[in-house]
Amino acid sequence: MKKVLAILIALCAVTAVPVAVGAAQPSSRIENAGSEPQAQGGKGTVTFVAGDEDATFRLYSVTGQLLRTVKVSAQGRVTIDMPKGFYLVKCAGHWSHKVVVK
């Protein structure tokens, strides 16, 4: 179990996109969804935005268990309710990163 968690943390660290000082925070990036798919945790929710093309998001627990698969049509937005916690989100063919639900 510890090995799986270490691998997932390493994967997030390797694939994380650094945020430059003074750059827009994730909450403002999702409001200005461009061509790239996006995901963001919120207060009891996770929001997925497809961008210019259809997107498939996979939501994982920190232990690596697949919790949900969410398909969003181009220019679409889907919000799902989730309990508080840390989650990993993968967007097929684009990126993977962590989200926090407060």
N, C-alpha and C. Protein backbone atom coordinates (compact mmCIF):
# COMPACT_ATOMS: atom_id res chain seq x y z
N MET A 1 0.82 -1.18 0.00
CA MET A 1 0.00 0.00 0.00
C MET A 1 0.87 1.26 0.00
N LYS A 2 1.93 1.25 0.83
CA LYS A 2 2.83 2.40 0.87
C LYS A 2 3.53 2.59 -0.46
N LYS A 3 3.84 1.49 -1.11
CA LYS A 3 4.53 1.55 -2.40
C LYS A 3 3.62 2.20 -3.45
N VAL A 4 2.33 1.83 -3.45
CA VAL A 4 1.37 2.40 -4.40
C VAL A 4 1.24 3.89 -4.16
N LEU A 5 1.12 4.30 -2.89
CA LEU A 5 0.99 5.71 -2.56
C LEU A 5 2.24 6.49 -2.99
N ALA A 6 3.41 5.91 -2.77
CA ALA A 6 4.65 6.57 -3.18
C ALA A 6 4.71 6.73 -4.70
N ILE A 7 4.25 5.73 -5.43
CA ILE A 7 4.24 5.82 -6.89
C ILE A 7 3.28 6.91 -7.35
N LEU A 8 2.09 6.96 -6.75
CA LEU A 8 1.12 7.99 -7.13
C LEU A 8 1.61 9.40 -6.82
N ILE A 9 2.25 9.57 -5.67
CA ILE A 9 2.81 10.88 -5.32
C ILE A 9 3.90 11.26 -6.30
N ALA A 10 4.76 10.31 -6.65
CA ALA A 10 5.82 10.59 -7.62
C ALA A 10 5.23 10.95 -8.97
N LEU A 11 4.17 10.25 -9.38
CA LEU A 11 3.52 10.54 -10.65
C LEU A 11 2.96 11.96 -10.66
N CYS A 12 2.34 12.35 -9.56
CA CYS A 12 1.81 13.73 -9.48
C CYS A 12 2.92 14.76 -9.53
N ALA A 13 4.02 14.47 -8.85
CA ALA A 13 5.13 15.42 -8.83
C ALA A 13 5.74 15.57 -10.22
N VAL A 14 5.85 14.48 -10.95
CA VAL A 14 6.45 14.51 -12.28
C VAL A 14 5.55 15.21 -13.29
N THR A 15 4.23 14.99 -13.18
CA THR A 15 3.31 15.53 -14.18
C THR A 15 2.70 16.86 -13.77
N ALA A 16 3.02 17.35 -12.59
CA ALA A 16 2.44 18.62 -12.12
C ALA A 16 2.95 19.77 -12.98
N VAL A 17 2.07 20.72 -13.20
CA VAL A 17 2.43 21.92 -13.96
C VAL A 17 2.78 23.00 -12.96
N PRO A 18 4.02 23.52 -12.99
CA PRO A 18 4.39 24.55 -12.02
C PRO A 18 3.60 25.83 -12.26
N VAL A 19 3.29 26.51 -11.16
CA VAL A 19 2.58 27.78 -11.24
C VAL A 19 3.59 28.88 -10.98
N ALA A 20 3.72 29.80 -11.93
CA ALA A 20 4.67 30.89 -11.79
C ALA A 20 4.16 31.89 -10.77
N VAL A 21 5.08 32.61 -10.13
CA VAL A 21 4.70 33.64 -9.18
C VAL A 21 3.89 34.71 -9.90
N GLY A 22 2.77 35.05 -9.35
CA GLY A 22 1.91 36.06 -9.96
C GLY A 22 0.97 35.50 -11.02
N ALA A 23 1.04 34.19 -11.26
CA ALA A 23 0.16 33.58 -12.26
C ALA A 23 -1.24 33.42 -11.68
N ALA A 24 -2.20 33.23 -12.55
CA ALA A 24 -3.58 33.04 -12.12
C ALA A 24 -3.70 31.77 -11.30
N GLN A 25 -4.50 31.79 -10.26
CA GLN A 25 -4.75 30.62 -9.43
C GLN A 25 -5.71 29.69 -10.16
N PRO A 26 -5.76 28.40 -9.79
CA PRO A 26 -6.63 27.45 -10.47
C PRO A 26 -8.08 27.89 -10.55
N SER A 27 -8.59 28.58 -9.53
CA SER A 27 -9.99 28.98 -9.55
C SER A 27 -10.29 29.93 -10.69
N SER A 28 -9.33 30.79 -11.08
CA SER A 28 -9.57 31.69 -12.19
C SER A 28 -9.31 31.01 -13.53
N ARG A 29 -8.42 30.00 -13.53
CA ARG A 29 -8.14 29.30 -14.79
C ARG A 29 -9.36 28.54 -15.28
N ILE A 30 -10.12 27.96 -14.37
CA ILE A 30 -11.27 27.17 -14.80
C ILE A 30 -12.38 28.07 -15.33
N GLU A 31 -12.43 29.31 -14.88
CA GLU A 31 -13.43 30.25 -15.39
C GLU A 31 -13.12 30.63 -16.83
N ASN A 32 -11.85 30.62 -17.21
CA ASN A 32 -11.44 31.01 -18.55
C ASN A 32 -11.02 29.80 -19.35
N ALA A 33 -11.86 28.78 -19.35
CA ALA A 33 -11.51 27.53 -20.03
C ALA A 33 -11.25 27.79 -21.51
N GLY A 34 -10.06 27.42 -21.95
CA GLY A 34 -9.70 27.59 -23.35
C GLY A 34 -9.80 26.26 -24.05
N SER A 35 -8.77 25.90 -24.77
CA SER A 35 -8.80 24.67 -25.55
C SER A 35 -8.42 23.44 -24.71
N GLU A 36 -7.80 23.63 -23.56
CA GLU A 36 -7.35 22.51 -22.73
C GLU A 36 -8.42 22.11 -21.72
N PRO A 37 -8.60 20.81 -21.50
CA PRO A 37 -9.52 20.36 -20.46
C PRO A 37 -8.97 20.72 -19.08
N GLN A 38 -9.86 20.93 -18.11
CA GLN A 38 -9.46 21.34 -16.78
C GLN A 38 -10.32 20.64 -15.73
N ALA A 39 -9.77 20.51 -14.52
CA ALA A 39 -10.52 19.96 -13.39
C ALA A 39 -10.10 20.73 -12.15
N GLN A 40 -11.08 20.95 -11.24
CA GLN A 40 -10.76 21.67 -10.02
C GLN A 40 -11.66 21.21 -8.88
N GLY A 41 -11.05 21.05 -7.71
CA GLY A 41 -11.81 20.73 -6.51
C GLY A 41 -12.42 21.98 -5.95
N GLY A 42 -13.51 21.82 -5.22
CA GLY A 42 -14.18 22.95 -4.60
C GLY A 42 -14.74 22.54 -3.26
N LYS A 43 -15.75 23.22 -2.80
CA LYS A 43 -16.38 22.93 -1.53
C LYS A 43 -17.39 21.80 -1.72
N GLY A 44 -16.93 20.57 -1.51
CA GLY A 44 -17.79 19.40 -1.66
C GLY A 44 -18.01 18.96 -3.10
N THR A 45 -17.26 19.54 -4.04
CA THR A 45 -17.46 19.21 -5.46
C THR A 45 -16.13 19.12 -6.21
N VAL A 46 -16.20 18.48 -7.37
CA VAL A 46 -15.12 18.52 -8.36
C VAL A 46 -15.77 18.93 -9.67
N THR A 47 -15.18 19.93 -10.34
CA THR A 47 -15.71 20.44 -11.61
C THR A 47 -14.76 20.08 -12.74
N PHE A 48 -15.34 19.54 -13.81
CA PHE A 48 -14.58 19.16 -15.00
C PHE A 48 -15.04 20.02 -16.17
N VAL A 49 -14.09 20.58 -16.93
CA VAL A 49 -14.41 21.40 -18.11
C VAL A 49 -13.67 20.80 -19.29
N ALA A 50 -14.39 20.54 -20.39
CA ALA A 50 -13.82 19.81 -21.52
C ALA A 50 -12.90 20.65 -22.41
N GLY A 51 -13.15 21.91 -22.59
CA GLY A 51 -12.36 22.68 -23.55
C GLY A 51 -12.94 22.54 -24.94
N ASP A 52 -12.09 22.58 -25.96
CA ASP A 52 -12.55 22.57 -27.35
C ASP A 52 -12.96 21.20 -27.88
N GLU A 53 -12.53 20.12 -27.21
CA GLU A 53 -12.85 18.77 -27.66
C GLU A 53 -13.48 17.97 -26.52
N ASP A 54 -14.18 16.88 -26.86
CA ASP A 54 -14.71 16.00 -25.84
C ASP A 54 -13.56 15.51 -24.96
N ALA A 55 -13.83 15.32 -23.67
CA ALA A 55 -12.77 14.89 -22.75
C ALA A 55 -13.30 13.81 -21.82
N THR A 56 -12.42 12.88 -21.46
CA THR A 56 -12.74 11.85 -20.49
C THR A 56 -11.81 12.04 -19.30
N PHE A 57 -12.41 12.21 -18.13
CA PHE A 57 -11.66 12.39 -16.89
C PHE A 57 -11.83 11.15 -16.04
N ARG A 58 -10.75 10.74 -15.36
CA ARG A 58 -10.81 9.63 -14.42
C ARG A 58 -10.40 10.15 -13.06
N LEU A 59 -11.25 9.92 -12.07
CA LEU A 59 -11.02 10.40 -10.71
C LEU A 59 -10.60 9.22 -9.84
N TYR A 60 -9.43 9.33 -9.20
CA TYR A 60 -8.86 8.26 -8.39
C TYR A 60 -8.72 8.70 -6.94
N SER A 61 -8.81 7.74 -6.02
CA SER A 61 -8.46 8.01 -4.63
C SER A 61 -6.94 8.06 -4.55
N VAL A 62 -6.40 8.51 -3.42
CA VAL A 62 -4.94 8.56 -3.28
C VAL A 62 -4.33 7.17 -3.18
N THR A 63 -5.16 6.16 -2.98
CA THR A 63 -4.65 4.78 -2.95
C THR A 63 -4.64 4.16 -4.34
N GLY A 64 -5.12 4.91 -5.34
CA GLY A 64 -5.08 4.42 -6.71
C GLY A 64 -6.37 3.77 -7.19
N GLN A 65 -7.41 3.77 -6.37
CA GLN A 65 -8.68 3.16 -6.76
C GLN A 65 -9.46 4.10 -7.66
N LEU A 66 -9.89 3.60 -8.81
CA LEU A 66 -10.71 4.40 -9.72
C LEU A 66 -12.07 4.60 -9.08
N LEU A 67 -12.46 5.86 -8.88
CA LEU A 67 -13.73 6.18 -8.24
C LEU A 67 -14.82 6.51 -9.25
N ARG A 68 -14.45 7.31 -10.25
CA ARG A 68 -15.44 7.73 -11.24
C ARG A 68 -14.75 7.98 -12.58
N THR A 69 -15.50 7.78 -13.64
CA THR A 69 -15.10 8.20 -14.98
C THR A 69 -16.16 9.17 -15.45
N VAL A 70 -15.72 10.36 -15.86
CA VAL A 70 -16.65 11.41 -16.26
C VAL A 70 -16.33 11.82 -17.69
N LYS A 71 -17.33 11.73 -18.57
CA LYS A 71 -17.16 12.16 -19.96
C LYS A 71 -17.87 13.50 -20.12
N VAL A 72 -17.14 14.46 -20.70
CA VAL A 72 -17.70 15.81 -20.88
C VAL A 72 -17.59 16.18 -22.35
N SER A 73 -18.70 16.64 -22.92
CA SER A 73 -18.72 17.07 -24.32
C SER A 73 -17.95 18.36 -24.50
N ALA A 74 -17.51 18.64 -25.71
CA ALA A 74 -16.77 19.85 -26.03
C ALA A 74 -17.51 21.07 -25.51
N GLN A 75 -16.76 21.99 -24.91
CA GLN A 75 -17.28 23.23 -24.32
C GLN A 75 -18.22 22.97 -23.15
N GLY A 76 -18.29 21.73 -22.68
CA GLY A 76 -19.19 21.38 -21.59
C GLY A 76 -18.52 21.45 -20.23
N ARG A 77 -19.34 21.41 -19.20
CA ARG A 77 -18.87 21.48 -17.81
C ARG A 77 -19.73 20.53 -16.99
N VAL A 78 -19.08 19.71 -16.16
CA VAL A 78 -19.80 18.78 -15.28
C VAL A 78 -19.24 18.96 -13.87
N THR A 79 -20.15 19.08 -12.90
CA THR A 79 -19.76 19.17 -11.50
C THR A 79 -20.36 17.99 -10.75
N ILE A 80 -19.51 17.29 -9.99
CA ILE A 80 -19.99 16.15 -9.20
C ILE A 80 -19.71 16.41 -7.72
N ASP A 81 -20.56 15.85 -6.87
CA ASP A 81 -20.37 15.95 -5.43
C ASP A 81 -19.39 14.87 -4.99
N MET A 82 -18.45 15.26 -4.12
CA MET A 82 -17.48 14.32 -3.57
C MET A 82 -17.22 14.69 -2.12
N PRO A 83 -16.92 13.68 -1.28
CA PRO A 83 -16.57 13.98 0.11
C PRO A 83 -15.23 14.70 0.19
N LYS A 84 -14.99 15.37 1.31
CA LYS A 84 -13.72 16.05 1.54
C LYS A 84 -12.56 15.08 1.34
N GLY A 85 -11.47 15.59 0.77
CA GLY A 85 -10.30 14.75 0.62
C GLY A 85 -9.44 15.15 -0.56
N PHE A 86 -8.38 14.36 -0.78
CA PHE A 86 -7.46 14.56 -1.88
C PHE A 86 -7.76 13.50 -2.93
N TYR A 87 -7.74 13.91 -4.20
CA TYR A 87 -8.02 12.99 -5.30
C TYR A 87 -7.02 13.23 -6.42
N LEU A 88 -6.83 12.22 -7.25
CA LEU A 88 -6.01 12.34 -8.44
C LEU A 88 -6.94 12.32 -9.64
N VAL A 89 -6.71 13.22 -10.58
CA VAL A 89 -7.53 13.29 -11.79
C VAL A 89 -6.62 13.10 -12.98
N LYS A 90 -7.03 12.22 -13.89
CA LYS A 90 -6.32 12.03 -15.16
C LYS A 90 -7.26 12.42 -16.28
N CYS A 91 -6.73 13.17 -17.22
CA CYS A 91 -7.48 13.51 -18.41
C CYS A 91 -6.78 12.81 -19.56
N ALA A 92 -7.47 11.86 -20.17
CA ALA A 92 -6.88 11.01 -21.20
C ALA A 92 -6.16 11.83 -22.26
N GLY A 93 -4.87 11.54 -22.45
CA GLY A 93 -4.08 12.17 -23.50
C GLY A 93 -3.61 13.58 -23.20
N HIS A 94 -3.89 14.09 -21.99
CA HIS A 94 -3.52 15.47 -21.69
C HIS A 94 -2.63 15.59 -20.46
N TRP A 95 -3.15 15.27 -19.28
CA TRP A 95 -2.42 15.51 -18.03
C TRP A 95 -3.00 14.68 -16.90
N SER A 96 -2.33 14.74 -15.76
CA SER A 96 -2.88 14.21 -14.51
C SER A 96 -2.40 15.13 -13.39
N HIS A 97 -3.27 15.37 -12.42
CA HIS A 97 -2.87 16.17 -11.25
C HIS A 97 -3.81 15.90 -10.09
N LYS A 98 -3.50 16.49 -8.95
CA LYS A 98 -4.32 16.28 -7.77
C LYS A 98 -5.33 17.40 -7.62
N VAL A 99 -6.45 17.09 -6.99
CA VAL A 99 -7.45 18.10 -6.64
C VAL A 99 -7.80 17.90 -5.17
N VAL A 100 -8.20 18.98 -4.53
CA VAL A 100 -8.59 18.96 -3.13
C VAL A 100 -10.05 19.36 -3.04
N VAL A 101 -10.82 18.54 -2.34
CA VAL A 101 -12.22 18.87 -2.07
C VAL A 101 -12.29 19.27 -0.61
N LYS A 102 -12.78 20.48 -0.38
CA LYS A 102 -12.84 21.01 1.00
C LYS A 102 -14.21 20.84 1.58
